[in-house]
PDB file of N, CA and C in Angstrom:
ATOM      1  N   MET A   1      89.303 -17.060  94.308  1.00  0.00           N
ATOM      2  CA  MET A   1      89.147 -17.272  93.148  1.00  0.00           C
ATOM      3  C   MET A   1      87.659 -17.067  93.058  1.00  0.00           C
ATOM      4  N   GLY A   2      86.891 -17.333  93.754  1.00  0.00           N
ATOM      5  CA  GLY A   2      85.674 -17.073  93.674  1.00  0.00           C
ATOM      6  C   GLY A   2      84.920 -15.685  93.440  1.00  0.00           C
ATOM      7  N   ILE A   3      86.231 -15.076  93.550  1.00  0.00           N
ATOM      8  CA  ILE A   3      85.235 -13.260  93.847  1.00  0.00           C
ATOM      9  C   ILE A   3      86.266 -13.218  92.408  1.00  0.00           C
ATOM     10  N   LEU A   4      87.086 -13.105  91.897  1.00  0.00           N
ATOM     11  CA  LEU A   4      87.632 -13.310  90.595  1.00  0.00           C
ATOM     12  C   LEU A   4      86.974 -13.489  89.450  1.00  0.00           C
ATOM     13  N   LEU A   5      86.345 -14.873  89.897  1.00  0.00           N
ATOM     14  CA  LEU A   5      85.079 -15.265  88.782  1.00  0.00           C
ATOM     15  C   LEU A   5      84.008 -14.198  87.892  1.00  0.00           C
ATOM     16  N   THR A   6      83.627 -14.297  89.571  1.00  0.00           N
ATOM     17  CA  THR A   6      82.357 -13.219  89.470  1.00  0.00           C
ATOM     18  C   THR A   6      82.411 -11.692  89.330  1.00  0.00           C
ATOM     19  N   GLU A   7      83.842 -11.045  89.240  1.00  0.00           N
ATOM     20  CA  GLU A   7      84.052  -9.616  88.813  1.00  0.00           C
ATOM     21  C   GLU A   7      84.226  -9.895  87.300  1.00  0.00           C
ATOM     22  N   ALA A   8      84.749 -11.076  86.674  1.00  0.00           N
ATOM     23  CA  ALA A   8      84.743 -11.140  85.512  1.00  0.00           C
ATOM     24  C   ALA A   8      83.580 -11.376  84.438  1.00  0.00           C
ATOM     25  N   ASP A   9      82.885 -12.067  85.061  1.00  0.00           N
ATOM     26  CA  ASP A   9      81.351 -12.586  84.674  1.00  0.00           C
ATOM     27  C   ASP A   9      80.441 -11.049  84.521  1.00  0.00           C
ATOM     28  N   ALA A  10      80.508  -9.758  85.619  1.00  0.00           N
ATOM     29  CA  ALA A  10      79.948  -9.085  86.006  1.00  0.00           C
ATOM     30  C   ALA A  10      80.432  -8.017  84.628  1.00  0.00           C
ATOM     31  N   ALA A  11      81.766  -8.061  84.589  1.00  0.00           N
ATOM     32  CA  ALA A  11      82.279  -7.555  83.221  1.00  0.00           C
ATOM     33  C   ALA A  11      82.242  -7.848  82.178  1.00  0.00           C
ATOM     34  N   ALA A  12      82.049  -8.965  81.911  1.00  0.00           N
ATOM     35  CA  ALA A  12      81.303  -9.189  80.471  1.00  0.00           C
ATOM     36  C   ALA A  12      79.875  -9.290  80.036  1.00  0.00           C
ATOM     37  N   GLY A  13      79.326  -9.421  81.479  1.00  0.00           N
ATOM     38  CA  GLY A  13      77.631  -9.124  81.309  1.00  0.00           C
ATOM     39  C   GLY A  13      77.501  -6.969  81.118  1.00  0.00           C
ATOM     40  N   ALA A  14      78.614  -6.468  81.597  1.00  0.00           N
ATOM     41  CA  ALA A  14      78.620  -5.083  81.000  1.00  0.00           C
ATOM     42  C   ALA A  14      78.546  -4.935  79.408  1.00  0.00           C
ATOM     43  N   GLY A  15      79.567  -5.959  79.222  1.00  0.00           N
ATOM     44  CA  GLY A  15      80.292  -5.530  77.895  1.00  0.00           C
ATOM     45  C   GLY A  15      78.871  -5.973  76.425  1.00  0.00           C
ATOM     46  N   GLY A  16      78.267  -6.796  77.177  1.00  0.00           N
ATOM     47  CA  GLY A  16      77.115  -7.191  76.260  1.00  0.00           C
ATOM     48  C   GLY A  16      76.092  -6.408  76.047  1.00  0.00           C
ATOM     49  N   ALA A  17      75.766  -5.746  77.406  1.00  0.00           N
ATOM     50  CA  ALA A  17      74.747  -4.508  77.253  1.00  0.00           C
ATOM     51  C   ALA A  17      75.518  -3.296  76.570  1.00  0.00           C
ATOM     52  N   GLY A  18      76.616  -3.051  76.832  1.00  0.00           N
ATOM     53  CA  GLY A  18      77.026  -2.162  75.636  1.00  0.00           C
ATOM     54  C   GLY A  18      76.791  -2.287  74.153  1.00  0.00           C
ATOM     55  N   LEU A  19      76.866  -3.903  73.903  1.00  0.00           N
ATOM     56  CA  LEU A  19      76.986  -4.140  72.266  1.00  0.00           C
ATOM     57  C   LEU A  19      75.694  -3.833  72.070  1.00  0.00           C
ATOM     58  N   ILE A  20      74.404  -4.119  73.006  1.00  0.00           N
ATOM     59  CA  ILE A  20      73.563  -4.181  72.387  1.00  0.00           C
ATOM     60  C   ILE A  20      72.886  -2.638  72.512  1.00  0.00           C
ATOM     61  N   SER A  21      73.217  -1.757  73.333  1.00  0.00           N
ATOM     62  CA  SER A  21      72.914  -0.371  73.336  1.00  0.00           C
ATOM     63  C   SER A  21      73.703   0.562  72.316  1.00  0.00           C
ATOM     64  N   MET A  22      75.177   0.068  71.693  1.00  0.00           N
ATOM     65  CA  MET A  22      75.363   0.278  70.312  1.00  0.00           C
ATOM     66  C   MET A  22      74.762   0.009  69.206  1.00  0.00           C
ATOM     67  N   LEU A  23      74.444  -1.332  69.025  1.00  0.00           N
ATOM     68  CA  LEU A  23      73.468  -1.806  68.237  1.00  0.00           C
ATOM     69  C   LEU A  23      72.064  -0.866  67.773  1.00  0.00           C
ATOM     70  N   ILE A  24      71.199  -0.605  69.101  1.00  0.00           N
ATOM     71  CA  ILE A  24      70.348   0.244  69.202  1.00  0.00           C
ATOM     72  C   ILE A  24      70.479   1.661  67.988  1.00  0.00           C
ATOM     73  N   MET A  25      72.058   1.860  68.835  1.00  0.00           N
ATOM     74  CA  MET A  25      71.845   3.429  67.994  1.00  0.00           C
ATOM     75  C   MET A  25      72.289   3.372  66.662  1.00  0.00           C
ATOM     76  N   TYR A  26      73.344   2.204  66.413  1.00  0.00           N
ATOM     77  CA  TYR A  26      73.276   2.196  64.700  1.00  0.00           C
ATOM     78  C   TYR A  26      72.011   1.799  64.333  1.00  0.00           C
ATOM     79  N   ALA A  27      71.255   1.457  64.687  1.00  0.00           N
ATOM     80  CA  ALA A  27      69.988   1.184  64.185  1.00  0.00           C
ATOM     81  C   ALA A  27      69.037   2.282  64.075  1.00  0.00           C
ATOM     82  N   VAL A  28      69.407   3.158  65.020  1.00  0.00           N
ATOM     83  CA  VAL A  28      68.236   4.399  65.047  1.00  0.00           C
ATOM     84  C   VAL A  28      69.174   5.624  64.183  1.00  0.00           C
ATOM     85  N   VAL A  29      70.431   5.654  63.853  1.00  0.00           N
ATOM     86  CA  VAL A  29      71.211   6.321  63.089  1.00  0.00           C
ATOM     87  C   VAL A  29      70.654   6.285  61.258  1.00  0.00           C
ATOM     88  N   ILE A  30      70.808   4.616  60.971  1.00  0.00           N
ATOM     89  CA  ILE A  30      70.628   4.319  59.815  1.00  0.00           C
ATOM     90  C   ILE A  30      68.815   4.725  59.811  1.00  0.00           C
ATOM     91  N   GLY A  31      67.957   4.533  60.065  1.00  0.00           N
ATOM     92  CA  GLY A  31      66.904   4.546  60.212  1.00  0.00           C
ATOM     93  C   GLY A  31      66.277   6.312  59.943  1.00  0.00           C
ATOM     94  N   ALA A  32      66.902   7.180  60.589  1.00  0.00           N
ATOM     95  CA  ALA A  32      67.039   8.543  60.631  1.00  0.00           C
ATOM     96  C   ALA A  32      67.661   8.706  59.424  1.00  0.00           C
ATOM     97  N   MET A  33      68.861   8.272  58.961  1.00  0.00           N
ATOM     98  CA  MET A  33      69.317   9.045  57.677  1.00  0.00           C
ATOM     99  C   MET A  33      68.357   7.829  56.373  1.00  0.00           C
ATOM    100  N   TRP A  34      67.690   6.993  56.385  1.00  0.00           N
ATOM    101  CA  TRP A  34      66.812   6.375  55.959  1.00  0.00           C
ATOM    102  C   TRP A  34      65.526   7.752  55.555  1.00  0.00           C
ATOM    103  N   PHE A  35      64.894   8.292  56.385  1.00  0.00           N
ATOM    104  CA  PHE A  35      63.918   8.527  56.504  1.00  0.00           C
ATOM    105  C   PHE A  35      64.360  10.073  56.130  1.00  0.00           C
ATOM    106  N   PHE A  36      65.299  10.647  55.825  1.00  0.00           N
ATOM    107  CA  PHE A  36      65.819  11.964  55.735  1.00  0.00           C
ATOM    108  C   PHE A  36      66.460  12.166  54.214  1.00  0.00           C
ATOM    109  N   LEU A  37      66.990  11.280  53.762  1.00  0.00           N
ATOM    110  CA  LEU A  37      67.644  11.044  52.559  1.00  0.00           C
ATOM    111  C   LEU A  37      67.271   9.890  51.360  1.00  0.00           C
ATOM    112  N   MET A  38      66.816   9.151  52.118  1.00  0.00           N
ATOM    113  CA  MET A  38      66.308   7.760  50.911  1.00  0.00           C
ATOM    114  C   MET A  38      64.742   8.228  50.585  1.00  0.00           C
ATOM    115  N   ARG A  39      63.998   8.395  51.804  1.00  0.00           N
ATOM    116  CA  ARG A  39      62.347   8.294  51.081  1.00  0.00           C
ATOM    117  C   ARG A  39      62.269   9.558  50.027  1.00  0.00           C
ATOM    118  N   PRO A  40      62.398  10.910  50.424  1.00  0.00           N
ATOM    119  CA  PRO A  40      62.274  11.757  49.408  1.00  0.00           C
ATOM    120  C   PRO A  40      62.603  11.614  48.470  1.00  0.00           C
ATOM    121  N   GLN A  41      63.740  10.932  47.922  1.00  0.00           N
ATOM    122  CA  GLN A  41      64.359  10.111  46.969  1.00  0.00           C
ATOM    123  C   GLN A  41      63.274   9.321  46.522  1.00  0.00           C
ATOM    124  N   SER A  42      63.186   8.246  47.100  1.00  0.00           N
ATOM    125  CA  SER A  42      61.859   7.603  46.268  1.00  0.00           C
ATOM    126  C   SER A  42      60.605   8.483  45.917  1.00  0.00           C
ATOM    127  N   LYS A  43      60.378   9.214  46.808  1.00  0.00           N
ATOM    128  CA  LYS A  43      59.157  10.150  46.372  1.00  0.00           C
ATOM    129  C   LYS A  43      58.746  10.618  45.277  1.00  0.00           C
ATOM    130  N   GLU A  44      59.996  11.641  45.382  1.00  0.00           N
ATOM    131  CA  GLU A  44      60.482  12.127  43.909  1.00  0.00           C
ATOM    132  C   GLU A  44      60.431  11.444  42.626  1.00  0.00           C
ATOM    133  N   LYS A  45      60.880  10.088  42.563  1.00  0.00           N
ATOM    134  CA  LYS A  45      60.861   9.029  41.723  1.00  0.00           C
ATOM    135  C   LYS A  45      59.496   8.833  41.367  1.00  0.00           C
ATOM    136  N   LYS A  46      58.466   8.628  42.012  1.00  0.00           N
ATOM    137  CA  LYS A  46      57.397   8.430  41.998  1.00  0.00           C
ATOM    138  C   LYS A  46      56.594   9.597  41.534  1.00  0.00           C
ATOM    139  N   ARG A  47      56.769  10.528  42.185  1.00  0.00           N
ATOM    140  CA  ARG A  47      56.005  11.693  41.424  1.00  0.00           C
ATOM    141  C   ARG A  47      56.306  11.949  40.055  1.00  0.00           C
ATOM    142  N   VAL A  48      57.662  12.276  39.493  1.00  0.00           N
ATOM    143  CA  VAL A  48      58.377  12.096  38.177  1.00  0.00           C
ATOM    144  C   VAL A  48      57.631  10.942  37.548  1.00  0.00           C
ATOM    145  N   ALA A  49      57.417   9.772  37.856  1.00  0.00           N
ATOM    146  CA  ALA A  49      56.197   8.987  36.636  1.00  0.00           C
ATOM    147  C   ALA A  49      55.449   8.575  36.713  1.00  0.00           C
ATOM    148  N   ALA A  50      54.640   9.304  37.764  1.00  0.00           N
ATOM    149  CA  ALA A  50      53.171   9.547  37.587  1.00  0.00           C
ATOM    150  C   ALA A  50      53.340  11.058  36.414  1.00  0.00           C
ATOM    151  N   MET A  51      54.113  11.517  36.241  1.00  0.00           N
ATOM    152  CA  MET A  51      54.091  13.132  35.612  1.00  0.00           C
ATOM    153  C   MET A  51      54.318  12.596  34.286  1.00  0.00           C
ATOM    154  N   LEU A  52      55.304  11.782  34.026  1.00  0.00           N
ATOM    155  CA  LEU A  52      55.496  11.343  32.588  1.00  0.00           C
ATOM    156  C   LEU A  52      54.879  10.220  32.535  1.00  0.00           C
ATOM    157  N   ALA A  53      53.777   9.616  33.273  1.00  0.00           N
ATOM    158  CA  ALA A  53      52.184   8.620  32.314  1.00  0.00           C
ATOM    159  C   ALA A  53      51.387   9.687  32.492  1.00  0.00           C
ATOM    160  N   SER A  54      51.346  10.560  32.759  1.00  0.00           N
ATOM    161  CA  SER A  54      50.159  11.245  33.112  1.00  0.00           C
ATOM    162  C   SER A  54      50.429  11.870  31.298  1.00  0.00           C
ATOM    163  N   LEU A  55      51.506  12.175  31.157  1.00  0.00           N
ATOM    164  CA  LEU A  55      51.876  12.933  29.842  1.00  0.00           C
ATOM    165  C   LEU A  55      50.371  12.911  28.249  1.00  0.00           C
ATOM    166  N   ALA A  56      50.385  13.967  27.809  1.00  0.00           N
ATOM    167  CA  ALA A  56      49.294  13.803  26.746  1.00  0.00           C
ATOM    168  C   ALA A  56      49.670  14.174  25.375  1.00  0.00           C
ATOM    169  N   VAL A  57      49.374  13.939  23.956  1.00  0.00           N
ATOM    170  CA  VAL A  57      49.749  14.815  23.046  1.00  0.00           C
ATOM    171  C   VAL A  57      48.748  16.839  23.383  1.00  0.00           C
ATOM    172  N   GLY A  58      49.274  17.506  23.000  1.00  0.00           N
ATOM    173  CA  GLY A  58      49.056  18.721  23.328  1.00  0.00           C
ATOM    174  C   GLY A  58      49.605  19.312  24.320  1.00  0.00           C
ATOM    175  N   ASP A  59      50.149  18.460  25.241  1.00  0.00           N
ATOM    176  CA  ASP A  59      50.950  19.237  26.619  1.00  0.00           C
ATOM    177  C   ASP A  59      52.123  20.569  26.356  1.00  0.00           C
ATOM    178  N   VAL A  60      52.075  21.244  27.134  1.00  0.00           N
ATOM    179  CA  VAL A  60      53.397  21.645  26.900  1.00  0.00           C
ATOM    180  C   VAL A  60      54.764  21.295  27.483  1.00  0.00           C
ATOM    181  N   VAL A  61      55.636  21.332  27.898  1.00  0.00           N
ATOM    182  CA  VAL A  61      56.605  20.891  28.426  1.00  0.00           C
ATOM    183  C   VAL A  61      57.960  21.512  28.079  1.00  0.00           C
ATOM    184  N   LEU A  62      58.269  21.577  29.561  1.00  0.00           N
ATOM    185  CA  LEU A  62      59.823  21.810  29.954  1.00  0.00           C
ATOM    186  C   LEU A  62      60.642  21.258  29.763  1.00  0.00           C
ATOM    187  N   THR A  63      61.864  21.232  28.696  1.00  0.00           N
ATOM    188  CA  THR A  63      62.590  20.018  28.891  1.00  0.00           C
ATOM    189  C   THR A  63      63.760  20.155  29.801  1.00  0.00           C
ATOM    190  N   THR A  64      65.018  19.224  30.006  1.00  0.00           N
ATOM    191  CA  THR A  64      65.645  19.684  31.186  1.00  0.00           C
ATOM    192  C   THR A  64      67.108  20.418  30.730  1.00  0.00           C
ATOM    193  N   SER A  65      66.645  20.693  29.262  1.00  0.00           N
ATOM    194  CA  SER A  65      67.907  22.078  29.218  1.00  0.00           C
ATOM    195  C   SER A  65      67.302  23.404  28.774  1.00  0.00           C
ATOM    196  N   GLY A  66      65.574  23.386  29.362  1.00  0.00           N
ATOM    197  CA  GLY A  66      65.381  24.400  29.771  1.00  0.00           C
ATOM    198  C   GLY A  66      64.515  25.209  28.287  1.00  0.00           C
ATOM    199  N   PHE A  67      64.242  24.404  27.214  1.00  0.00           N
ATOM    200  CA  PHE A  67      63.555  24.996  26.191  1.00  0.00           C
ATOM    201  C   PHE A  67      61.918  24.295  26.636  1.00  0.00           C
ATOM    202  N   TYR A  68      61.460  25.218  26.052  1.00  0.00           N
ATOM    203  CA  TYR A  68      59.515  24.979  25.858  1.00  0.00           C
ATOM    204  C   TYR A  68      59.155  24.453  24.852  1.00  0.00           C
ATOM    205  N   GLY A  69      58.261  23.518  24.906  1.00  0.00           N
ATOM    206  CA  GLY A  69      57.621  23.087  23.446  1.00  0.00           C
ATOM    207  C   GLY A  69      56.584  22.324  23.433  1.00  0.00           C
ATOM    208  N   VAL A  70      55.613  21.992  22.583  1.00  0.00           N
ATOM    209  CA  VAL A  70      54.394  20.897  22.766  1.00  0.00           C
ATOM    210  C   VAL A  70      54.567  19.585  22.267  1.00  0.00           C
ATOM    211  N   VAL A  71      53.997  18.400  22.949  1.00  0.00           N
ATOM    212  CA  VAL A  71      53.985  17.289  22.662  1.00  0.00           C
ATOM    213  C   VAL A  71      53.225  17.162  21.257  1.00  0.00           C
ATOM    214  N   ILE A  72      53.661  16.562  19.954  1.00  0.00           N
ATOM    215  CA  ILE A  72      53.004  16.567  19.662  1.00  0.00           C
ATOM    216  C   ILE A  72      53.401  15.221  18.339  1.00  0.00           C
ATOM    217  N   ASP A  73      53.693  14.090  19.262  1.00  0.00           N
ATOM    218  CA  ASP A  73      53.480  12.802  19.408  1.00  0.00           C
ATOM    219  C   ASP A  73      54.451  12.065  20.197  1.00  0.00           C
ATOM    220  N   MET A  74      53.399  10.817  20.820  1.00  0.00           N
ATOM    221  CA  MET A  74      54.105   9.727  21.256  1.00  0.00           C
ATOM    222  C   MET A  74      54.247   8.614  21.168  1.00  0.00           C
ATOM    223  N   LYS A  75      55.530   7.803  21.744  1.00  0.00           N
ATOM    224  CA  LYS A  75      55.664   6.530  21.306  1.00  0.00           C
ATOM    225  C   LYS A  75      55.881   6.576  22.627  1.00  0.00           C
ATOM    226  N   ASP A  76      56.552   4.872  22.716  1.00  0.00           N
ATOM    227  CA  ASP A  76      56.951   4.082  24.231  1.00  0.00           C
ATOM    228  C   ASP A  76      57.593   4.788  24.918  1.00  0.00           C
ATOM    229  N   ASP A  77      58.770   5.158  24.692  1.00  0.00           N
ATOM    230  CA  ASP A  77      59.684   5.959  25.726  1.00  0.00           C
ATOM    231  C   ASP A  77      60.365   7.249  24.944  1.00  0.00           C
ATOM    232  N   MET A  78      59.533   7.854  23.911  1.00  0.00           N
ATOM    233  CA  MET A  78      60.199   8.436  22.865  1.00  0.00           C
ATOM    234  C   MET A  78      59.112   9.842  23.139  1.00  0.00           C
ATOM    235  N   VAL A  79      58.754  11.096  22.748  1.00  0.00           N
ATOM    236  CA  VAL A  79      58.176  11.998  22.423  1.00  0.00           C
ATOM    237  C   VAL A  79      58.516  12.677  21.669  1.00  0.00           C
ATOM    238  N   ILE A  80      57.895  13.406  20.468  1.00  0.00           N
ATOM    239  CA  ILE A  80      58.061  14.484  19.534  1.00  0.00           C
ATOM    240  C   ILE A  80      57.480  15.955  20.333  1.00  0.00           C
ATOM    241  N   VAL A  81      58.452  16.706  20.515  1.00  0.00           N
ATOM    242  CA  VAL A  81      58.108  18.061  20.891  1.00  0.00           C
ATOM    243  C   VAL A  81      58.563  18.956  19.610  1.00  0.00           C
ATOM    244  N   GLU A  82      57.143  20.236  19.162  1.00  0.00           N
ATOM    245  CA  GLU A  82      57.838  21.026  18.431  1.00  0.00           C
ATOM    246  C   GLU A  82      58.066  22.244  19.424  1.00  0.00           C
ATOM    247  N   PHE A  83      59.422  22.699  18.924  1.00  0.00           N
ATOM    248  CA  PHE A  83      59.985  23.641  19.715  1.00  0.00           C
ATOM    249  C   PHE A  83      59.168  25.752  18.682  1.00  0.00           C
ATOM    250  N   GLY A  84      59.304  26.276  19.357  1.00  0.00           N
ATOM    251  CA  GLY A  84      58.778  27.688  18.147  1.00  0.00           C
ATOM    252  C   GLY A  84      57.644  27.579  17.462  1.00  0.00           C
ATOM    253  N   SER A  85      57.385  28.992  16.994  1.00  0.00           N
ATOM    254  CA  SER A  85      56.279  28.868  16.488  1.00  0.00           C
ATOM    255  C   SER A  85      55.831  29.027  15.092  1.00  0.00           C
ATOM    256  N   ASN A  86      57.452  28.276  14.445  1.00  0.00           N
ATOM    257  CA  ASN A  86      57.435  28.291  13.035  1.00  0.00           C
ATOM    258  C   ASN A  86      57.018  26.682  12.487  1.00  0.00           C
ATOM    259  N   LYS A  87      56.717  25.910  13.696  1.00  0.00           N
ATOM    260  CA  LYS A  87      56.083  24.781  13.286  1.00  0.00           C
ATOM    261  C   LYS A  87      56.631  23.713  12.478  1.00  0.00           C
ATOM    262  N   ASN A  88      58.474  24.102  12.099  1.00  0.00           N
ATOM    263  CA  ASN A  88      59.610  23.238  11.951  1.00  0.00           C
ATOM    264  C   ASN A  88      60.623  22.669  12.471  1.00  0.00           C
ATOM    265  N   CYS A  89      60.668  23.218  13.695  1.00  0.00           N
ATOM    266  CA  CYS A  89      60.993  22.385  14.774  1.00  0.00           C
ATOM    267  C   CYS A  89      60.986  21.663  15.500  1.00  0.00           C
ATOM    268  N   ARG A  90      61.104  20.379  15.030  1.00  0.00           N
ATOM    269  CA  ARG A  90      60.301  19.075  15.478  1.00  0.00           C
ATOM    270  C   ARG A  90      61.494  18.100  16.218  1.00  0.00           C
ATOM    271  N   ILE A  91      61.493  17.635  17.516  1.00  0.00           N
ATOM    272  CA  ILE A  91      62.648  16.917  18.015  1.00  0.00           C
ATOM    273  C   ILE A  91      62.819  15.885  18.696  1.00  0.00           C
ATOM    274  N   PRO A  92      62.556  15.014  18.075  1.00  0.00           N
ATOM    275  CA  PRO A  92      62.779  13.320  19.124  1.00  0.00           C
ATOM    276  C   PRO A  92      63.204  13.313  19.847  1.00  0.00           C
ATOM    277  N   MET A  93      62.831  12.960  21.492  1.00  0.00           N
ATOM    278  CA  MET A  93      63.539  12.703  22.473  1.00  0.00           C
ATOM    279  C   MET A  93      62.768  11.993  23.527  1.00  0.00           C
ATOM    280  N   GLU A  94      63.596  11.242  24.507  1.00  0.00           N
ATOM    281  CA  GLU A  94      62.885  10.437  25.467  1.00  0.00           C
ATOM    282  C   GLU A  94      62.451  11.372  26.202  1.00  0.00           C
ATOM    283  N   LYS A  95      61.669  10.630  26.930  1.00  0.00           N
ATOM    284  CA  LYS A  95      60.384  11.466  27.734  1.00  0.00           C
ATOM    285  C   LYS A  95      61.469  11.313  29.155  1.00  0.00           C
ATOM    286  N   SER A  96      62.489  10.839  29.606  1.00  0.00           N
ATOM    287  CA  SER A  96      63.249  11.241  30.803  1.00  0.00           C
ATOM    288  C   SER A  96      63.706  12.694  30.637  1.00  0.00           C
ATOM    289  N   ALA A  97      63.957  13.408  29.760  1.00  0.00           N
ATOM    290  CA  ALA A  97      64.386  14.541  29.626  1.00  0.00           C
ATOM    291  C   ALA A  97      63.479  15.534  29.751  1.00  0.00           C
ATOM    292  N   ILE A  98      62.145  15.235  29.842  1.00  0.00           N
ATOM    293  CA  ILE A  98      60.926  16.433  30.221  1.00  0.00           C
ATOM    294  C   ILE A  98      61.080  16.267  31.849  1.00  0.00           C
ATOM    295  N   SER A  99      61.152  17.887  32.396  1.00  0.00           N
ATOM    296  CA  SER A  99      61.156  17.983  33.788  1.00  0.00           C
ATOM    297  C   SER A  99      59.447  18.521  34.133  1.00  0.00           C
ATOM    298  N   ARG A 100      59.386  18.824  33.438  1.00  0.00           N
ATOM    299  CA  ARG A 100      57.836  19.892  33.744  1.00  0.00           C
ATOM    300  C   ARG A 100      57.046  19.703  32.715  1.00  0.00           C
ATOM    301  N   VAL A 101      55.735  19.262  33.332  1.00  0.00           N
ATOM    302  CA  VAL A 101      54.252  19.182  32.274  1.00  0.00           C
ATOM    303  C   VAL A 101      53.632  20.424  32.447  1.00  0.00           C
ATOM    304  N   GLU A 102      52.918  21.204  31.838  1.00  0.00           N
ATOM    305  CA  GLU A 102      51.674  21.972  31.744  1.00  0.00           C
ATOM    306  C   GLU A 102      50.739  21.516  30.928  1.00  0.00           C
ATOM    307  N   LYS A 103      49.340  20.776  31.549  1.00  0.00           N
ATOM    308  CA  LYS A 103      48.475  20.551  30.717  1.00  0.00           C
ATOM    309  C   LYS A 103      47.975  21.692  29.883  1.00  0.00           C
ATOM    310  N   ALA A 104      47.040  20.736  28.482  1.00  0.00           N
ATOM    311  CA  ALA A 104      46.941  22.148  27.847  1.00  0.00           C
ATOM    312  C   ALA A 104      46.065  22.825  28.259  1.00  0.00           C
ATOM    313  N   GLY A 105      44.843  22.815  28.715  1.00  0.00           N
ATOM    314  CA  GLY A 105      43.717  23.006  29.362  1.00  0.00           C
ATOM    315  C   GLY A 105      44.078  24.029  30.815  1.00  0.00           C
ATOM    316  N   GLU A 106      44.843  24.071  31.197  1.00  0.00           N
ATOM    317  CA  GLU A 106      44.859  24.508  32.835  1.00  0.00           C
ATOM    318  C   GLU A 106      46.053  25.772  32.187  1.00  0.00           C
ATOM    319  N   ASN A 107      46.163  26.697  33.167  1.00  0.00           N
ATOM    320  CA  ASN A 107      47.233  27.980  32.811  1.00  0.00           C
ATOM    321  C   ASN A 107      48.349  27.905  34.156  1.00  0.00           C
TER     322      ASN A 107
END
């Protein structure tokens, strides 16, 4: 009877070690997923937020719909963008609709 108990205890101990190694593997996989998927997304959000924070009147912007325009007025979350050369096409839009900013003094 003593032999059976020691074999059962050894099997239980091996199962616990397998569980720990499986948890470590899950942690490694989750860490890799965060590093390759979530981290770049958060860096992109920070880049876009910094770009929109540096937006100023006179900057040339590219909207998400593909139109180039010049910022002529700004409010909290809205900008008024002038499209074309006739100075009559002024459209208010949200800042989140801007995908790229080119500063007025840069090429």
